Structures are given as structure tokens and as C-alpha cells.
Protein backbone atom coordinates (compact mmCIF):
# COMPACT_ATOMS: atom_id res chain seq x y z
CA MET A 1 -0.04 -0.08 -0.03
CA SER A 2 0.90 3.42 -0.72
CA THR A 3 -0.27 7.05 -0.08
CA PRO A 4 -4.06 6.85 0.60
CA LEU A 5 -6.30 7.86 -2.18
CA VAL A 6 -8.90 9.58 -0.35
CA GLU A 7 -9.15 10.51 3.46
CA HIS A 8 -12.29 9.64 5.21
CA ARG A 9 -13.67 10.11 8.91
CA LEU A 10 -16.00 8.16 10.93
CA ASP A 11 -17.38 9.31 14.41
CA PRO A 12 -19.46 7.72 16.93
CA ALA A 13 -23.41 8.53 16.68
CA PRO A 14 -26.79 6.59 16.55
CA GLY A 15 -26.43 5.77 12.73
CA THR A 16 -23.00 5.18 12.71
CA VAL A 17 -22.54 2.09 15.00
CA THR A 18 -23.91 -1.50 15.56
CA ASP A 19 -24.02 -4.20 18.12
CA VAL A 20 -24.08 -7.03 15.50
CA PHE A 21 -22.70 -8.34 12.49
CA SER A 22 -25.19 -8.61 9.34
CA ALA A 23 -24.94 -8.06 5.69
CA ALA A 24 -28.11 -6.48 5.51
CA LEU A 25 -27.03 -3.56 7.79
CA PRO A 26 -26.85 -0.47 5.33
CA PRO A 27 -23.51 0.73 5.08
CA VAL A 28 -22.49 4.01 7.22
CA LEU A 29 -19.86 4.83 4.78
CA ARG A 30 -18.39 3.84 1.11
CA VAL A 31 -14.55 3.68 0.35
CA ASP A 32 -12.60 2.68 -2.47
CA PRO A 33 -9.57 0.52 -2.21
CA GLY A 34 -6.57 2.29 -1.06
CA ASP A 35 -8.61 4.68 0.93
CA SER A 36 -7.91 5.57 4.53
CA VAL A 37 -10.39 6.29 7.09
CA THR A 38 -9.86 7.73 10.91
CA VAL A 39 -12.31 6.04 13.02
CA ARG A 40 -13.46 7.14 16.42
CA SER A 41 -14.69 4.22 18.31
CA LEU A 42 -16.36 4.08 21.82
CA ASP A 43 -15.24 1.15 24.06
CA ALA A 44 -16.74 -2.11 23.96
CA SER A 45 -19.63 -1.33 25.85
CA GLY A 46 -20.18 2.02 24.05
CA HIS A 47 -19.62 4.59 27.33
CA LEU A 48 -20.46 7.93 26.10
CA GLU A 49 -19.11 9.49 29.53
CA ARG A 50 -16.10 8.28 31.43
CA GLN A 51 -16.25 6.60 34.87
CA ARG A 52 -15.69 8.59 37.93
CA THR A 53 -15.56 5.59 40.23
CA PRO A 54 -14.49 1.85 39.13
CA GLY A 55 -17.45 0.32 37.81
CA GLU A 56 -19.87 3.27 37.74
CA ARG A 57 -23.14 2.83 35.30
CA ARG A 58 -22.83 5.66 32.83
CA PRO A 59 -24.79 6.57 29.83
CA LEU A 60 -24.32 4.45 26.91
CA MET A 61 -24.54 4.59 23.06
CA ILE A 62 -26.65 1.28 22.80
CA ASP A 63 -28.72 0.80 26.29
CA ASP A 64 -30.05 -3.01 25.36
CA ARG A 65 -26.48 -3.78 23.88
CA ARG A 66 -26.14 -7.30 22.47
CA GLY A 67 -22.65 -7.12 21.58
CA HIS A 68 -19.56 -4.96 21.14
CA CYS A 69 -20.36 -1.30 20.13
CA LEU A 70 -18.70 -1.20 16.84
CA ALA A 71 -18.09 1.65 13.94
CA GLY A 72 -19.78 0.48 10.85
CA PRO A 73 -20.33 -0.99 8.43
CA ILE A 74 -18.11 0.42 6.01
CA GLU A 75 -18.45 -0.61 2.10
CA VAL A 76 -15.57 -1.36 0.11
CA ARG A 77 -16.22 -0.72 -3.05
CA GLY A 78 -15.27 -3.98 -5.62
CA ALA A 79 -14.60 -6.38 -2.68
CA ARG A 80 -16.18 -9.86 -3.41
CA PRO A 81 -15.68 -13.14 -1.79
CA GLY A 82 -12.54 -14.93 -2.84
CA MET A 83 -10.51 -11.56 -2.28
CA ALA A 84 -8.83 -10.42 0.85
CA LEU A 85 -9.39 -7.55 2.37
CA ALA A 86 -6.18 -5.87 3.74
CA VAL A 87 -6.88 -3.54 6.70
CA ARG A 88 -3.47 -1.43 7.55
CA LEU A 89 -3.42 -0.04 10.93
CA ASP A 90 -1.29 3.25 10.59
CA ALA A 91 -1.91 4.71 13.85
CA LEU A 92 -4.06 4.19 17.08
CA ARG A 93 -4.67 6.48 19.88
CA PRO A 94 -6.46 5.71 22.97
CA ASP A 95 -8.88 7.60 25.01
CA ALA A 96 -7.63 9.11 28.44
CA TRP A 97 -9.48 6.82 30.27
CA GLY A 98 -10.12 2.81 30.45
CA TRP A 99 -11.22 -0.08 32.45
CA THR A 100 -10.62 -3.38 33.34
CA VAL A 101 -13.03 -6.13 35.10
CA ALA A 102 -12.48 -9.68 36.68
CA GLY A 103 -14.98 -12.14 38.15
CA GLY A 104 -18.69 -12.30 38.34
CA ARG A 105 -19.57 -14.20 35.04
CA ASP A 106 -20.17 -17.60 34.92
CA THR A 107 -17.63 -18.91 32.54
CA PRO A 108 -15.54 -22.19 32.56
CA LEU A 109 -12.37 -19.99 33.69
CA ASN A 110 -14.13 -18.16 36.26
CA ARG A 111 -15.56 -21.50 37.88
CA ARG A 112 -12.06 -22.95 37.86
CA LEU A 113 -10.76 -19.72 39.49
CA GLY A 114 -13.24 -19.81 42.24
CA LEU A 115 -14.55 -16.40 40.92
CA VAL A 116 -18.31 -16.75 40.14
CA GLY A 117 -20.87 -14.81 41.74
CA ASP A 118 -20.81 -11.61 43.28
CA ASP A 119 -16.93 -11.04 43.57
CA VAL A 120 -16.40 -8.47 40.78
CA THR A 121 -13.41 -6.34 40.47
CA TRP A 122 -12.91 -3.29 38.42
CA LEU A 123 -9.83 -1.13 37.58
CA LEU A 124 -10.28 2.21 36.51
CA TRP A 125 -7.32 3.57 34.27
CA GLU A 126 -5.92 6.87 33.53
CA LEU A 127 -4.46 6.66 30.17
CA ASP A 128 -1.30 8.83 28.77
CA ALA A 129 -1.45 8.23 25.13
CA ASP A 130 1.61 10.45 24.54
CA ARG A 131 3.93 8.43 26.96
CA LEU A 132 1.90 5.10 26.40
CA THR A 133 1.24 4.44 29.91
CA GLY A 134 -1.90 3.61 31.99
CA THR A 135 -2.13 3.73 35.75
CA ASP A 136 -5.24 2.48 37.75
CA GLN A 137 -6.63 3.75 40.84
CA PHE A 138 -4.14 1.57 43.08
CA GLY A 139 -1.10 3.18 41.48
CA HIS A 140 -0.20 0.58 39.20
CA THR A 141 1.33 1.47 36.02
CA VAL A 142 1.80 -0.45 32.80
CA ARG A 143 3.00 -0.01 29.36
CA LEU A 144 0.53 0.70 26.72
CA ALA A 145 0.34 -1.10 23.33
CA PRO A 146 -2.95 0.05 21.60
CA PHE A 147 -4.92 -2.24 19.22
CA LEU A 148 -8.66 -3.13 18.12
CA GLY A 149 -9.75 -6.14 19.60
CA VAL A 150 -12.51 -6.17 16.80
CA ILE A 151 -11.69 -6.02 12.90
CA GLY A 152 -14.18 -8.06 10.92
CA MET A 153 -17.01 -8.64 8.29
CA PRO A 154 -20.26 -10.73 8.58
CA PRO A 155 -20.70 -14.09 7.88
CA PRO A 156 -22.38 -14.79 4.64
CA GLU A 157 -25.36 -16.40 5.91
CA PRO A 158 -28.58 -14.24 6.55
CA GLY A 159 -29.57 -12.74 9.77
CA GLU A 160 -28.02 -10.96 12.64
CA HIS A 161 -24.61 -12.65 13.98
CA SER A 162 -22.91 -12.10 17.43
CA THR A 163 -19.78 -9.74 17.53
CA VAL A 164 -18.10 -12.29 20.29
CA PRO A 165 -16.74 -15.07 18.54
CA PRO A 166 -13.89 -14.65 16.15
CA ARG A 167 -13.91 -16.33 12.71
CA VAL A 168 -10.86 -17.15 10.47
CA LEU A 169 -12.81 -16.05 7.62
CA GLY A 170 -14.33 -12.69 8.16
CA GLY A 171 -12.34 -12.03 11.40
CA GLY A 172 -14.41 -10.01 14.17
CA ASN A 173 -13.15 -10.21 17.80
CA ILE A 174 -9.72 -11.49 17.29
CA ASP A 175 -8.13 -9.78 20.15
CA CYS A 176 -4.73 -10.34 18.90
CA ARG A 177 -2.43 -7.95 20.86
CA GLU A 178 0.18 -7.98 17.74
CA LEU A 179 -2.23 -6.05 15.54
CA VAL A 180 -0.68 -2.75 16.70
CA ALA A 181 0.11 0.47 14.72
CA GLY A 182 2.37 -0.96 11.49
CA ALA A 183 0.37 -4.32 11.14
CA THR A 184 -1.73 -5.12 8.27
CA LEU A 185 -4.78 -7.65 8.71
CA PHE A 186 -5.72 -9.57 5.91
CA LEU A 187 -9.47 -11.19 6.12
CA PRO A 188 -10.95 -13.42 3.34
CA VAL A 189 -13.90 -11.27 2.18
CA THR A 190 -17.15 -12.85 2.98
CA VAL A 191 -19.96 -10.68 1.49
CA ASP A 192 -20.08 -8.19 -1.46
CA GLY A 193 -18.85 -4.88 -0.22
CA ALA A 194 -17.04 -6.54 2.66
CA MET A 195 -19.11 -4.29 5.17
CA LEU A 196 -16.13 -4.17 7.67
CA CYS A 197 -16.92 -3.12 11.05
CA VAL A 198 -14.29 -1.82 13.82
CA GLY A 199 -13.88 -1.05 17.68
CA ASP A 200 -13.29 -2.75 20.96
CA GLY A 201 -10.24 -0.55 21.59
CA HIS A 202 -7.66 -2.04 23.77
CA ALA A 203 -4.92 0.07 25.21
CA ALA A 204 -3.20 -2.68 26.50
CA GLN A 205 -3.63 -6.53 26.95
CA GLY A 206 -1.53 -9.66 27.52
CA ASP A 207 -1.74 -12.82 25.28
CA GLY A 208 -5.02 -14.50 26.57
CA GLU A 209 -6.83 -11.58 27.72
CA VAL A 210 -7.43 -13.72 30.71
CA SER A 211 -10.08 -11.80 32.87
CA GLY A 212 -12.26 -11.58 29.64
CA THR A 213 -11.24 -7.79 29.45
CA ALA A 214 -8.16 -5.59 28.60
CA ILE A 215 -7.65 -2.17 29.49
CA GLU A 216 -11.01 -1.18 27.51
CA CYS A 217 -11.38 2.17 25.90
CA GLY A 218 -12.46 4.57 23.08
CA MET A 219 -9.81 4.64 20.24
CA THR A 220 -9.10 6.61 17.32
CA THR A 221 -7.77 4.81 14.49
CA ARG A 222 -6.06 5.71 11.36
CA LEU A 223 -6.43 2.59 8.95
CA THR A 224 -6.04 2.14 5.30
CA ILE A 225 -8.23 -0.55 2.93
CA ASP A 226 -6.94 -2.27 0.13
CA LEU A 227 -7.84 -5.74 -1.78
CA VAL A 228 -5.64 -8.58 -2.43
CA PRO A 229 -7.10 -10.22 -5.53
CA VAL A 230 -5.53 -13.57 -5.07
CA PRO A 231 -4.43 -13.94 -1.28
CA PRO A 232 -1.69 -16.35 -0.35
CA LEU A 233 -3.77 -17.95 2.56
CA ALA A 234 -7.50 -18.66 2.46
CA THR A 235 -7.79 -17.68 6.20
CA ALA A 236 -6.83 -14.53 8.48
CA HIS A 237 -3.39 -13.61 8.58
CA ALA A 238 -1.63 -10.60 9.35
CA LEU A 239 1.82 -8.90 8.89
CA THR A 240 3.17 -7.41 12.10
CA PRO A 241 5.92 -5.31 13.86
CA ALA A 242 6.65 -8.66 15.53
CA GLY A 243 6.46 -10.81 12.52
CA ARG A 244 4.07 -12.96 10.51
CA VAL A 245 0.49 -14.18 12.35
CA THR A 246 -1.62 -16.63 11.25
CA PHE A 247 -5.16 -17.47 13.39
CA GLY A 248 -7.22 -20.61 14.77
CA PHE A 249 -10.20 -20.31 16.35
CA ASP A 250 -12.29 -23.03 18.00
CA PRO A 251 -14.04 -24.48 21.15
CA ASP A 252 -11.18 -27.10 21.02
CA LEU A 253 -7.61 -25.60 21.87
CA ASN A 254 -6.02 -28.48 19.94
CA GLU A 255 -7.92 -27.44 16.69
CA ALA A 256 -7.48 -23.95 17.35
CA SER A 257 -3.66 -24.49 17.58
CA ALA A 258 -3.59 -26.80 14.62
CA GLN A 259 -5.40 -24.29 12.49
CA ALA A 260 -3.23 -21.59 13.12
CA LEU A 261 -0.36 -23.73 12.56
CA ASP A 262 -1.63 -25.18 9.48
CA ALA A 263 -1.69 -21.87 8.03
CA MET A 264 1.65 -21.05 9.03
CA VAL A 265 3.11 -23.99 7.44
CA ASP A 266 1.30 -23.11 4.27
CA TRP A 267 2.82 -19.49 4.27
CA MET A 268 6.14 -20.79 4.81
CA ALA A 269 5.99 -23.57 2.12
CA LEU A 270 4.56 -21.31 -0.33
CA ASP A 271 7.24 -18.54 0.34
CA LEU A 272 10.46 -20.61 0.92
CA GLY A 273 9.70 -22.86 -1.91
CA LEU A 274 9.62 -25.97 0.53
CA PRO A 275 7.58 -29.44 0.93
CA ARG A 276 5.07 -28.77 3.99
CA PRO A 277 6.89 -31.39 6.23
CA ALA A 278 10.18 -29.44 5.84
CA ALA A 279 8.01 -25.94 6.35
CA LEU A 280 6.61 -27.85 9.83
CA ALA A 281 10.32 -28.78 10.48
CA LEU A 282 11.78 -25.29 10.17
CA ALA A 283 8.49 -23.92 12.09
CA SER A 284 9.25 -26.07 14.71
CA ALA A 285 12.63 -24.15 15.49
CA THR A 286 11.14 -20.53 14.78
CA VAL A 287 7.38 -20.31 15.11
CA HIS A 288 5.65 -19.63 18.34
CA LEU A 289 2.04 -20.77 19.13
CA ARG A 290 0.42 -18.33 21.59
CA VAL A 291 -3.11 -18.26 23.08
CA THR A 292 -4.63 -15.21 21.59
CA GLN A 293 -7.63 -15.06 23.99
CA VAL A 294 -9.63 -17.44 26.33
CA ALA A 295 -12.54 -15.19 26.63
CA ASN A 296 -14.79 -15.48 23.53
CA ARG A 297 -16.91 -18.70 23.64
CA THR A 298 -13.96 -20.33 21.42
CA TRP A 299 -10.40 -20.42 22.19
CA GLY A 300 -7.90 -18.17 19.99
CA VAL A 301 -4.50 -19.22 18.84
CA HIS A 302 -2.17 -17.15 16.80
CA ALA A 303 1.00 -18.41 15.11
CA LEU A 304 4.03 -15.97 15.26
CA LEU A 305 7.12 -16.14 12.85
CA PRO A 306 9.05 -13.56 14.33
CA ALA A 307 10.77 -10.90 11.94
CA GLU A 308 13.96 -11.74 10.64
CA ALA A 309 13.78 -15.34 12.38
CA ILE A 310 14.77 -16.79 9.17
CA THR A 311 17.74 -15.83 6.86
CA ALA A 312 18.28 -16.78 3.02
CA GLY A 313 19.27 -20.72 2.64
CA THR A 314 19.42 -23.34 0.02
CA VAL A 315 17.15 -25.80 -1.11
CA ALA A 316 18.57 -28.54 -3.73
CA GLY A 317 21.44 -26.35 -4.64
CA GLY A 318 19.47 -23.05 -4.99
CA THR A 319 18.55 -20.05 -2.77
CA VAL A 320 15.58 -20.42 -0.94
CA ALA A 321 12.75 -18.28 -2.57
CA GLY A 322 11.83 -15.23 -0.53
CA GLY A 323 15.34 -14.66 1.16
CA THR A 324 14.61 -12.95 4.99
CA VAL A 325 11.03 -14.34 5.85
CA ALA A 326 8.57 -12.65 8.25
CA GLY A 327 9.70 -9.06 7.66
CA GLY A 328 9.00 -9.02 3.75
CA THR A 329 5.92 -8.80 1.26
CA VAL A 330 3.50 -11.32 1.18
CA ALA A 331 3.13 -13.28 -1.72
CA GLY A 332 0.47 -12.22 -3.83
CA ALA A 333 -0.20 -9.25 -1.58
């Protein structure tokens, strides 16, 4: 991607947000491939005003919210199934406050930890977007690495679909902490026009999002949108500052891990000109499998091939195709 063709702006208002994915929703903005959009998104709950005390109820954009409060849908002209939508995250700036909550909800993990019921704890964060630090009400300070938890498109099936579970095709609630500024996320287009929705700003999150929430916050994101007619992979994948990333999502952790690894092995085999067994062997020495999140009704796993993890080698007397891997251009992108 190069300089954006046209700059757009999208701000939160009753007519520009959604709490479901649906191909039937009318677009709130139409863009061409190569355009950029500066999106101002509310936090996942859609708070219109900041909390003054931890957990305080404040006015929301959507009172009977069914899922995340997202900006969109954004129609991308010319997007068709079979292509990939390329979403480059140029800049992300969190709002001045955020929150994290733990316990209370009846989930398998909370039951295992003994935290189901009334034992709910809120952290209220003061966020400094210039210094990239966040400080809670107890004085704990953490480093910020802002990203959007939700970047996705509706499934092709009719009707309204939850924003909670991530999907390897249209994406959605991926919650991957590697999708910071400088990353490009590639998502298989699921419906004509893409109908992209984004939001769920996270000022900081560890791998796993173990309480079910990160530092949830409003976010101003500048992103550039493009199309890849013939993507190298048929599932979601990304180029990030940390390296190449592939994803797996499934209620079974083993299957989620296998999906992420399967896609990474395909990508390495394609780029390096290797048979899959050789790519798997090389992956065993270089690729990290990480639990992306445990919070969204399905396990998320991402495979990370760090930047500059593999330098040029030889295959059957020739130079490995692609030279240095993980920091270069995506085949076909």
C-alpha cells in the first residue's frame, strides 16, 4: 500500500454504530480500495461518558447492547468473496481513560478460579497516549500497546450474528495484541462490499485476555483499506511489527492450535519453496504458538513467525525463495 487515495472520517453516532454483524445492515460509509479512514470508536460497552469511580454506570450509546459497540459497516467498493481485505493500521490513539473487570461471570475459567458470583473487581485506568502508560486507582502503572480487539466482516449467512466469537474467515473479535500500529490484517472477504466493522479498543492486553477484558477504551484509529485479489492464504493472517501471524479459532484448543499452525506452514512452504514437512520442521525451530484469548466462547490461538527469524538458505542447490522471512512482502499481496 502507498499514499491513501482519499481520507475519510467516521465518528460515533446512533446511525454509525452497530452491536451485531449482518450483511443486511446499510453501510454508514463507502470507500474505494486504497482509501484511508480515521475512525473514532467508543469502548466495547459504548460508554458516552467516562466512569468517575470503578464500575460506575454511565450513559451508553446502545442501552440494550447485544455485543460490542462497533463503528460501521464500511462498504469497500469492488470487494468480493475470494479476495482478501487488507486493513493496515496506521495509527491508534487511546482515549484518556479505560477499564478492566474480572470475576462475576459464570464462565469455565471463572469457575476454575473460584471467581463466579458477586466477586467482581474493576480497575479504572488513567491513560496517557503520549507517554503510552496507564495507571489504575491503586497506582499500578503499565505500558500501553494500543490495538483494536474487533476488526471484521459479517458471515455470509443471512441474519444477525454475534460480535463475540472470532472467525477465521471474516475475522471479528480476534483480540490479538500483535495488531498494533504498523500491522496489516488480511481477512478473506465474506460478503460483497466487505461491510467492515471495527472497534473494541484495547490500550493494553496480555496474550489470553485472561479476565475476559483488556484495558477497554475508546480509540481513534487511522486505517488504510485495500483489496488483495489473490491472497496467499484462505484464512485470516497478518504482517505485524513482531512478524507474520496466522490464526485459529475453535472451542477445542487443539483444533485452534492446528488451524493456526496449518496456515503458517502453508505460508512458509509457499514463500520458501519448501514441501510442507520441511516447512513444519523449520516452523518447529522458529514459530511461537500463543493463546490469543480465552474469553470469547472459543479458543483463539495465533502462530507467530518473528521478523528476521529465518535468513536465506538453499534448497536442492538453489537459494530459498523469499530470502529473509517474516519481515518482507506477502506473496500475492
